[in-house]
N, C-alpha and C. Protein backbone atom coordinates (compact mmCIF):
# COMPACT_ATOMS: atom_id res chain seq x y z
N MET A 1 72.61 -2.37 29.33
CA MET A 1 71.53 -1.59 29.78
C MET A 1 70.47 -1.31 28.61
N SER A 2 69.28 -1.47 28.85
CA SER A 2 68.29 -1.18 27.82
C SER A 2 67.48 0.09 28.18
N THR A 3 66.90 0.55 27.11
CA THR A 3 66.12 1.78 27.24
C THR A 3 64.73 1.51 27.87
N PHE A 4 64.09 2.59 28.41
CA PHE A 4 62.72 2.38 28.90
C PHE A 4 61.75 1.83 27.79
N ILE A 5 61.94 2.38 26.56
CA ILE A 5 61.03 1.99 25.45
C ILE A 5 61.34 0.56 25.06
N SER A 6 62.59 0.22 24.98
CA SER A 6 62.92 -1.12 24.58
C SER A 6 62.43 -2.13 25.62
N ARG A 7 62.57 -1.89 26.85
CA ARG A 7 62.05 -2.76 27.94
C ARG A 7 60.52 -2.81 27.87
N THR A 8 59.89 -1.70 27.69
CA THR A 8 58.42 -1.69 27.63
C THR A 8 57.96 -2.55 26.49
N ARG A 9 58.54 -2.42 25.29
CA ARG A 9 58.16 -3.17 24.06
C ARG A 9 58.40 -4.69 24.29
N ARG A 10 59.47 -5.02 24.87
CA ARG A 10 59.78 -6.45 25.14
C ARG A 10 58.84 -7.01 26.13
N ASN A 11 58.51 -6.30 27.20
CA ASN A 11 57.55 -6.74 28.18
C ASN A 11 56.20 -6.88 27.66
N HIS A 12 55.86 -5.92 26.71
CA HIS A 12 54.46 -6.00 25.93
C HIS A 12 54.48 -7.29 25.15
N GLY A 13 55.48 -7.59 24.41
CA GLY A 13 55.55 -8.82 23.68
C GLY A 13 55.37 -10.07 24.61
N LEU A 14 56.11 -10.06 25.68
CA LEU A 14 56.01 -11.19 26.62
C LEU A 14 54.61 -11.30 27.23
N GLU A 15 54.02 -10.12 27.55
CA GLU A 15 52.62 -10.11 28.10
C GLU A 15 51.72 -10.68 27.10
N HIS A 16 51.79 -10.28 25.85
CA HIS A 16 50.89 -10.82 24.79
C HIS A 16 51.06 -12.38 24.62
N ALA A 17 52.35 -12.78 24.58
CA ALA A 17 52.63 -14.20 24.37
C ALA A 17 52.02 -15.01 25.60
N THR A 18 52.13 -14.39 26.75
CA THR A 18 51.55 -15.10 27.96
C THR A 18 49.93 -15.10 27.79
N LEU A 19 49.42 -14.05 27.45
CA LEU A 19 47.91 -14.02 27.27
C LEU A 19 47.45 -14.88 26.17
N ASN A 20 48.21 -15.03 25.19
CA ASN A 20 47.86 -16.00 24.02
C ASN A 20 47.96 -17.47 24.51
N LEU A 21 48.97 -17.76 25.33
CA LEU A 21 49.05 -19.10 25.89
C LEU A 21 47.97 -19.36 26.95
N LEU A 22 47.61 -18.39 27.75
CA LEU A 22 46.55 -18.56 28.71
C LEU A 22 45.20 -18.80 28.05
N ALA A 23 45.01 -18.09 26.92
CA ALA A 23 43.74 -18.28 26.16
C ALA A 23 43.60 -19.64 25.68
N LYS A 24 44.70 -20.36 25.28
CA LYS A 24 44.62 -21.70 24.85
C LYS A 24 44.42 -22.75 25.99
N SER A 25 45.18 -22.41 27.10
CA SER A 25 45.13 -23.36 28.31
C SER A 25 43.92 -23.22 29.17
N HIS A 26 43.29 -21.99 29.06
CA HIS A 26 42.03 -21.67 29.81
C HIS A 26 40.95 -21.12 28.99
N PRO A 27 40.44 -21.95 28.03
CA PRO A 27 39.44 -21.43 27.06
C PRO A 27 38.21 -20.93 27.82
N GLY A 28 37.75 -19.72 27.39
CA GLY A 28 36.52 -19.16 27.98
C GLY A 28 36.77 -18.34 29.26
N LYS A 29 38.00 -18.37 29.78
CA LYS A 29 38.34 -17.58 30.97
C LYS A 29 38.95 -16.23 30.45
N GLY A 30 38.56 -15.18 31.06
CA GLY A 30 39.02 -13.85 30.63
C GLY A 30 40.27 -13.39 31.39
N PHE A 31 41.23 -12.94 30.62
CA PHE A 31 42.52 -12.39 31.17
C PHE A 31 42.75 -11.07 30.42
N ALA A 32 43.45 -10.16 31.08
CA ALA A 32 43.84 -8.87 30.45
C ALA A 32 45.29 -8.57 30.95
N GLY A 33 45.83 -7.62 30.33
CA GLY A 33 47.22 -7.29 30.71
C GLY A 33 47.53 -5.85 30.42
N HIS A 34 48.63 -5.35 31.11
CA HIS A 34 49.17 -4.08 30.89
C HIS A 34 50.63 -4.13 31.16
N SER A 35 51.38 -3.57 30.22
CA SER A 35 52.88 -3.59 30.35
C SER A 35 53.48 -2.17 30.65
N ASP A 36 54.70 -2.33 31.15
CA ASP A 36 55.51 -1.10 31.45
C ASP A 36 56.97 -1.53 31.34
N SER A 37 57.84 -0.68 31.70
CA SER A 37 59.30 -1.00 31.61
C SER A 37 59.75 -1.99 32.71
N GLY A 38 59.03 -2.14 33.82
CA GLY A 38 59.39 -3.01 34.85
C GLY A 38 58.80 -4.40 34.76
N GLY A 39 57.89 -4.65 33.81
CA GLY A 39 57.25 -5.85 33.70
C GLY A 39 55.87 -5.79 33.16
N PHE A 40 54.90 -6.44 33.77
CA PHE A 40 53.50 -6.39 33.28
C PHE A 40 52.58 -6.93 34.33
N TRP A 41 51.32 -6.56 34.20
CA TRP A 41 50.18 -7.08 34.95
C TRP A 41 49.41 -8.05 34.20
N ILE A 42 49.00 -9.09 34.76
CA ILE A 42 47.98 -10.04 34.23
C ILE A 42 46.80 -9.96 35.25
N ILE A 43 45.65 -9.59 34.68
CA ILE A 43 44.44 -9.49 35.45
C ILE A 43 43.53 -10.74 35.09
N GLY A 44 43.13 -11.45 36.08
CA GLY A 44 42.37 -12.66 35.87
C GLY A 44 42.70 -13.64 36.99
N ASP A 45 41.80 -14.61 37.13
CA ASP A 45 41.92 -15.62 38.23
C ASP A 45 42.72 -16.85 37.79
N ILE A 46 43.95 -16.84 38.27
CA ILE A 46 44.91 -17.93 38.03
C ILE A 46 45.89 -17.97 39.16
N SER A 47 46.38 -19.15 39.50
CA SER A 47 47.35 -19.27 40.52
C SER A 47 48.74 -18.65 40.19
N SER A 48 49.46 -18.22 41.12
CA SER A 48 50.76 -17.63 40.87
C SER A 48 51.70 -18.69 40.22
N GLU A 49 51.59 -19.89 40.66
CA GLU A 49 52.54 -21.02 40.08
C GLU A 49 52.17 -21.21 38.61
N GLU A 50 50.90 -21.29 38.32
CA GLU A 50 50.43 -21.54 36.97
C GLU A 50 50.81 -20.35 35.99
N LEU A 51 50.69 -19.19 36.55
CA LEU A 51 51.08 -17.98 35.79
C LEU A 51 52.59 -17.94 35.54
N PHE A 52 53.38 -18.25 36.61
CA PHE A 52 54.80 -18.34 36.47
C PHE A 52 55.24 -19.30 35.33
N GLN A 53 54.58 -20.46 35.29
CA GLN A 53 54.90 -21.46 34.27
C GLN A 53 54.48 -20.89 32.84
N ALA A 54 53.35 -20.26 32.76
CA ALA A 54 52.86 -19.68 31.54
C ALA A 54 53.87 -18.65 30.96
N VAL A 55 54.31 -17.74 31.88
CA VAL A 55 55.25 -16.72 31.45
C VAL A 55 56.58 -17.33 31.04
N GLY A 56 57.08 -18.33 31.79
CA GLY A 56 58.27 -18.99 31.40
C GLY A 56 58.14 -19.68 30.02
N ASP A 57 56.95 -20.32 29.85
CA ASP A 57 56.76 -21.02 28.51
C ASP A 57 56.66 -19.92 27.36
N ALA A 58 56.04 -18.83 27.66
CA ALA A 58 55.87 -17.77 26.68
C ALA A 58 57.31 -17.19 26.38
N LEU A 59 58.18 -16.99 27.32
CA LEU A 59 59.47 -16.54 27.17
C LEU A 59 60.35 -17.49 26.26
N SER A 60 60.21 -18.77 26.60
CA SER A 60 60.93 -19.78 25.89
C SER A 60 60.44 -19.84 24.45
N ARG A 61 59.16 -19.77 24.20
CA ARG A 61 58.61 -19.85 22.84
C ARG A 61 59.05 -18.68 22.02
N LEU A 62 59.01 -17.56 22.61
CA LEU A 62 59.44 -16.26 21.91
C LEU A 62 60.93 -16.44 21.48
N ARG A 63 61.74 -16.91 22.47
CA ARG A 63 63.18 -17.13 22.12
C ARG A 63 63.36 -18.18 21.10
N GLY A 64 62.38 -19.12 21.01
CA GLY A 64 62.45 -20.19 19.98
C GLY A 64 61.90 -19.76 18.63
N GLY A 65 61.55 -18.49 18.50
CA GLY A 65 61.14 -18.08 17.17
C GLY A 65 59.60 -17.98 16.93
N GLN A 66 58.78 -18.21 17.93
CA GLN A 66 57.38 -18.12 17.77
C GLN A 66 56.92 -16.69 17.99
N GLU A 67 57.32 -15.84 17.08
CA GLU A 67 57.09 -14.40 17.15
C GLU A 67 55.71 -13.98 17.05
N ASP A 68 54.71 -14.74 16.54
CA ASP A 68 53.38 -14.43 16.33
C ASP A 68 52.74 -14.42 17.67
N LEU A 69 53.28 -15.15 18.61
CA LEU A 69 52.64 -15.10 20.03
C LEU A 69 52.70 -13.72 20.64
N ALA A 70 53.65 -12.84 20.20
CA ALA A 70 53.75 -11.48 20.71
C ALA A 70 52.70 -10.50 20.20
N ILE A 71 51.91 -10.95 19.16
CA ILE A 71 50.88 -10.09 18.66
C ILE A 71 49.53 -10.61 19.18
N HIS A 72 48.73 -9.73 19.67
CA HIS A 72 47.44 -10.05 20.35
C HIS A 72 46.32 -9.38 19.66
N LYS A 73 45.22 -9.98 19.42
CA LYS A 73 44.10 -9.52 18.61
C LYS A 73 43.35 -8.40 19.50
N ASN A 74 43.41 -8.51 20.77
CA ASN A 74 42.66 -7.45 21.68
C ASN A 74 43.69 -6.37 22.21
N CYS A 75 44.76 -6.22 21.59
CA CYS A 75 45.74 -5.22 22.03
C CYS A 75 45.12 -3.80 21.89
N GLY A 76 45.42 -2.95 22.83
CA GLY A 76 44.95 -1.58 22.75
C GLY A 76 45.42 -0.85 21.45
N THR A 77 46.57 -1.25 20.94
CA THR A 77 46.99 -0.68 19.72
C THR A 77 45.96 -0.86 18.63
N ASN A 78 45.40 -2.06 18.57
CA ASN A 78 44.33 -2.37 17.53
C ASN A 78 43.12 -1.44 17.74
N LEU A 79 42.73 -1.28 18.98
CA LEU A 79 41.57 -0.53 19.41
C LEU A 79 41.89 0.99 19.06
N LEU A 80 43.04 1.40 19.29
CA LEU A 80 43.37 2.82 19.05
C LEU A 80 43.36 3.06 17.60
N VAL A 81 43.98 2.21 16.75
CA VAL A 81 43.99 2.39 15.33
C VAL A 81 42.57 2.36 14.71
N SER A 82 41.79 1.47 15.15
CA SER A 82 40.39 1.35 14.68
C SER A 82 39.54 2.54 15.05
N GLY A 83 39.70 2.99 16.33
CA GLY A 83 38.97 4.08 16.77
C GLY A 83 39.42 5.44 16.06
N PHE A 84 40.61 5.60 15.84
CA PHE A 84 41.09 6.79 15.13
C PHE A 84 40.65 6.77 13.67
N ALA A 85 40.67 5.65 13.00
CA ALA A 85 40.19 5.58 11.58
C ALA A 85 38.71 5.84 11.50
N ALA A 86 37.92 5.29 12.38
CA ALA A 86 36.50 5.49 12.30
C ALA A 86 36.13 7.03 12.71
N GLY A 87 36.92 7.52 13.63
CA GLY A 87 36.66 8.98 13.99
C GLY A 87 36.97 9.87 12.81
N LEU A 88 38.13 9.55 12.21
CA LEU A 88 38.59 10.39 11.09
C LEU A 88 37.59 10.26 9.87
N ALA A 89 37.08 9.08 9.61
CA ALA A 89 36.11 8.93 8.61
C ALA A 89 34.83 9.61 8.90
N GLY A 90 34.41 9.60 10.18
CA GLY A 90 33.16 10.36 10.59
C GLY A 90 33.46 11.88 10.40
N ALA A 91 34.55 12.31 10.75
CA ALA A 91 34.83 13.83 10.62
C ALA A 91 34.82 14.15 9.15
N ALA A 92 35.49 13.30 8.29
CA ALA A 92 35.49 13.57 6.89
C ALA A 92 34.12 13.61 6.29
N ALA A 93 33.27 12.77 6.72
CA ALA A 93 31.89 12.65 6.17
C ALA A 93 31.10 13.92 6.53
N MET A 94 31.55 14.69 7.60
CA MET A 94 30.74 15.81 7.98
C MET A 94 31.32 17.13 7.20
N ILE A 95 32.38 17.00 6.49
CA ILE A 95 32.90 18.18 5.84
C ILE A 95 31.86 18.66 4.91
N GLY A 96 31.60 19.90 4.90
CA GLY A 96 30.60 20.58 4.03
C GLY A 96 29.24 20.41 4.42
N ALA A 97 28.90 19.74 5.54
CA ALA A 97 27.48 19.66 6.08
C ALA A 97 27.04 21.05 6.53
N GLY A 98 25.86 21.26 6.29
CA GLY A 98 25.29 22.51 6.75
C GLY A 98 25.34 22.82 8.31
N SER A 99 24.87 23.95 8.70
CA SER A 99 25.02 24.18 10.03
C SER A 99 23.78 23.81 10.91
N LYS A 100 22.66 23.40 10.21
CA LYS A 100 21.51 22.94 10.92
C LYS A 100 21.60 21.45 11.32
N PRO A 101 21.03 21.08 12.36
CA PRO A 101 21.05 19.74 12.92
C PRO A 101 20.48 18.77 11.81
N ARG A 102 19.54 19.16 11.09
CA ARG A 102 18.94 18.29 10.03
C ARG A 102 20.00 17.96 8.97
N ASP A 103 20.76 18.93 8.62
CA ASP A 103 21.83 18.78 7.59
C ASP A 103 22.85 17.68 8.11
N LYS A 104 23.20 17.79 9.35
CA LYS A 104 24.16 16.85 9.91
C LYS A 104 23.50 15.41 10.06
N PHE A 105 22.22 15.37 10.40
CA PHE A 105 21.52 14.14 10.53
C PHE A 105 21.42 13.42 9.15
N GLU A 106 21.29 14.20 8.17
CA GLU A 106 21.11 13.56 6.77
C GLU A 106 22.42 13.00 6.38
N ARG A 107 23.52 13.31 6.94
CA ARG A 107 24.85 12.66 6.67
C ARG A 107 25.09 11.39 7.35
N LEU A 108 24.22 10.97 8.27
CA LEU A 108 24.37 9.78 9.04
C LEU A 108 24.68 8.47 8.14
N PRO A 109 23.95 8.27 7.05
CA PRO A 109 24.34 7.15 6.25
C PRO A 109 25.73 7.19 5.73
N LEU A 110 26.29 8.38 5.33
CA LEU A 110 27.55 8.57 4.77
C LEU A 110 28.61 8.35 5.95
N VAL A 111 28.28 8.89 7.17
CA VAL A 111 29.21 8.65 8.30
C VAL A 111 29.27 7.15 8.60
N THR A 112 28.21 6.56 8.62
CA THR A 112 28.18 5.10 8.95
C THR A 112 28.98 4.30 7.93
N THR A 113 28.68 4.61 6.57
CA THR A 113 29.40 3.83 5.56
C THR A 113 31.00 4.06 5.64
N LEU A 114 31.35 5.26 5.84
CA LEU A 114 32.68 5.57 5.81
C LEU A 114 33.36 5.01 7.10
N GLY A 115 32.60 5.05 8.24
CA GLY A 115 33.17 4.53 9.45
C GLY A 115 33.38 3.01 9.40
N VAL A 116 32.41 2.32 8.78
CA VAL A 116 32.61 0.79 8.59
C VAL A 116 33.75 0.59 7.61
N ALA A 117 33.85 1.25 6.52
CA ALA A 117 34.98 1.07 5.62
C ALA A 117 36.32 1.38 6.35
N ALA A 118 36.32 2.38 7.16
CA ALA A 118 37.59 2.72 7.87
C ALA A 118 37.88 1.57 8.81
N LEU A 119 36.97 1.00 9.48
CA LEU A 119 37.23 -0.03 10.40
C LEU A 119 37.77 -1.27 9.67
N LEU A 120 37.22 -1.63 8.56
CA LEU A 120 37.67 -2.78 7.74
C LEU A 120 39.03 -2.51 7.25
N LEU A 121 39.37 -1.28 6.83
CA LEU A 121 40.66 -1.01 6.27
C LEU A 121 41.74 -0.91 7.34
N ALA A 122 41.35 -0.54 8.64
CA ALA A 122 42.22 -0.46 9.74
C ALA A 122 42.58 -1.89 10.29
N ARG A 123 41.86 -2.90 10.06
CA ARG A 123 42.09 -4.18 10.70
C ARG A 123 43.51 -4.62 10.59
N PRO A 124 44.16 -4.56 9.44
CA PRO A 124 45.52 -5.08 9.32
C PRO A 124 46.59 -4.05 9.92
N LEU A 125 46.18 -2.87 10.15
CA LEU A 125 47.12 -1.83 10.59
C LEU A 125 47.45 -1.99 12.08
N GLY A 126 46.53 -2.49 12.89
CA GLY A 126 46.76 -2.62 14.21
C GLY A 126 47.86 -3.56 14.54
N PRO A 127 47.72 -4.79 14.02
CA PRO A 127 48.83 -5.85 14.23
C PRO A 127 50.14 -5.37 13.58
N LEU A 128 50.12 -4.67 12.51
CA LEU A 128 51.37 -4.15 11.87
C LEU A 128 52.09 -3.13 12.80
N LEU A 129 51.25 -2.19 13.37
CA LEU A 129 51.75 -1.28 14.37
C LEU A 129 52.28 -2.00 15.56
N GLN A 130 51.61 -3.02 15.99
CA GLN A 130 52.04 -3.80 17.18
C GLN A 130 53.48 -4.19 16.87
N ARG A 131 53.66 -4.96 15.79
CA ARG A 131 54.94 -5.60 15.40
C ARG A 131 56.02 -4.55 15.22
N ARG A 132 55.71 -3.36 14.61
CA ARG A 132 56.73 -2.39 14.33
C ARG A 132 57.02 -1.31 15.38
N VAL A 133 56.03 -1.08 16.26
CA VAL A 133 56.08 0.08 17.16
C VAL A 133 55.84 -0.34 18.69
N THR A 134 54.79 -0.90 18.95
CA THR A 134 54.48 -1.02 20.35
C THR A 134 54.97 -2.27 21.03
N VAL A 135 55.27 -3.38 20.22
CA VAL A 135 55.66 -4.67 20.72
C VAL A 135 57.01 -5.09 20.15
N SER A 136 57.82 -5.81 20.95
CA SER A 136 58.97 -6.44 20.37
C SER A 136 58.72 -7.87 20.43
N THR A 137 59.00 -8.54 19.30
CA THR A 137 58.88 -10.02 19.28
C THR A 137 60.10 -10.79 19.85
N ASP A 138 61.11 -10.03 20.03
CA ASP A 138 62.37 -10.59 20.59
C ASP A 138 62.54 -10.13 22.04
N PRO A 139 62.43 -10.98 22.98
CA PRO A 139 62.62 -10.63 24.38
C PRO A 139 63.99 -10.31 24.82
N GLY A 140 64.91 -10.59 24.00
CA GLY A 140 66.35 -10.31 24.37
C GLY A 140 66.71 -11.02 25.75
N ASP A 141 67.33 -10.32 26.58
CA ASP A 141 67.83 -10.86 27.77
C ASP A 141 66.86 -10.78 29.03
N LEU A 142 65.52 -10.56 28.67
CA LEU A 142 64.55 -10.52 29.74
C LEU A 142 64.60 -11.71 30.55
N LYS A 143 64.47 -11.59 31.93
CA LYS A 143 64.32 -12.70 32.83
C LYS A 143 63.20 -12.33 33.75
N ILE A 144 62.48 -13.38 34.24
CA ILE A 144 61.38 -13.23 35.09
C ILE A 144 61.99 -12.98 36.54
N SER A 145 61.84 -11.96 37.21
CA SER A 145 62.30 -11.81 38.49
C SER A 145 61.40 -12.09 39.66
N ALA A 146 60.03 -11.82 39.42
CA ALA A 146 59.09 -12.18 40.45
C ALA A 146 57.65 -12.18 39.82
N VAL A 147 56.83 -12.98 40.44
CA VAL A 147 55.44 -13.09 40.05
C VAL A 147 54.72 -12.88 41.43
N THR A 148 53.96 -11.85 41.71
CA THR A 148 53.31 -11.68 42.98
C THR A 148 51.77 -11.42 42.65
N ARG A 149 51.02 -11.99 43.59
CA ARG A 149 49.55 -11.87 43.50
C ARG A 149 49.08 -10.64 44.24
N HIS A 150 48.05 -9.95 43.54
CA HIS A 150 47.50 -8.72 44.13
C HIS A 150 45.97 -8.78 43.91
N SER A 151 45.37 -7.67 44.34
CA SER A 151 43.91 -7.53 44.09
C SER A 151 43.83 -6.02 43.58
N LEU A 152 43.33 -5.89 42.40
CA LEU A 152 43.02 -4.64 41.84
C LEU A 152 41.59 -4.29 41.83
N ASN A 153 41.07 -3.55 42.70
CA ASN A 153 39.65 -3.17 42.82
C ASN A 153 38.83 -4.46 42.90
N GLY A 154 39.26 -5.42 43.62
CA GLY A 154 38.58 -6.66 43.94
C GLY A 154 38.87 -7.78 42.86
N MET A 155 39.54 -7.36 41.75
CA MET A 155 39.87 -8.36 40.74
C MET A 155 41.20 -8.99 41.08
N PRO A 156 41.29 -10.36 40.91
CA PRO A 156 42.56 -11.02 41.09
C PRO A 156 43.57 -10.51 39.96
N ALA A 157 44.88 -10.26 40.36
CA ALA A 157 45.83 -9.79 39.42
C ALA A 157 47.16 -10.28 39.91
N HIS A 158 48.05 -10.27 38.94
CA HIS A 158 49.57 -10.62 39.25
C HIS A 158 50.42 -9.56 38.57
N ARG A 159 51.42 -9.21 39.33
CA ARG A 159 52.45 -8.36 38.83
C ARG A 159 53.64 -9.27 38.46
N VAL A 160 54.00 -9.22 37.16
CA VAL A 160 55.15 -9.98 36.68
C VAL A 160 56.33 -9.05 36.53
N ARG A 161 57.33 -9.15 37.30
CA ARG A 161 58.49 -8.23 37.19
C ARG A 161 59.56 -8.93 36.46
N THR A 162 60.18 -8.09 35.54
CA THR A 162 61.24 -8.58 34.66
C THR A 162 62.47 -7.75 34.89
N GLN A 163 63.56 -8.34 34.46
CA GLN A 163 64.89 -7.57 34.48
C GLN A 163 65.71 -8.08 33.30
N ASP A 164 66.71 -7.35 32.93
CA ASP A 164 67.62 -7.79 31.88
C ASP A 164 68.76 -8.64 32.53
C-alpha cells in the first residue's frame, strides 16, 4: 500500500510524461494536466483510445529509465518557484523606501532589475523541485485502471485513473 503523497507524486510524473509525449505527437495542440492520488486529468481534445495509448507508452518509457519525461517545463512547480522568487525580490527592493508614493515609484527600476534576476536564477530551481519534491520519476507499480472522457466547463478532458 502506498501513501497519498507517493501516489500523487507518481501520478504527477506519469501525467508529465504523457503531456511530453502528446506535445511530440500533436505539435501545436494544447494540453494541460492536473494530478492527485487517484490519477490525473488531461485537458485537451484527443480521443480516449489515443490518450490510453499515450499513457501506456509514457508508463513504459518511465519504467524503461526515461526519467526526464517526468519533468515538464510548464509545471505549476516552476511557476510557483518563479513567482515566489520575483515577489521576494520585489519586496526586498522596497526595503527602506520612503512612505510617499513617489519614493516607491522611484524604486521601480530596482524592483524590475531584481525581479528579472530572480526569475533567471529561479529557472533551474523549478525542475529541481519537481524532481525532488513534487514528482516521482519512478511510477513503481502504477497501473492504468480507466480512461474516461468528460467535459470541464465545455473543454474536452479525460480522467486517467490509476491503481497500485
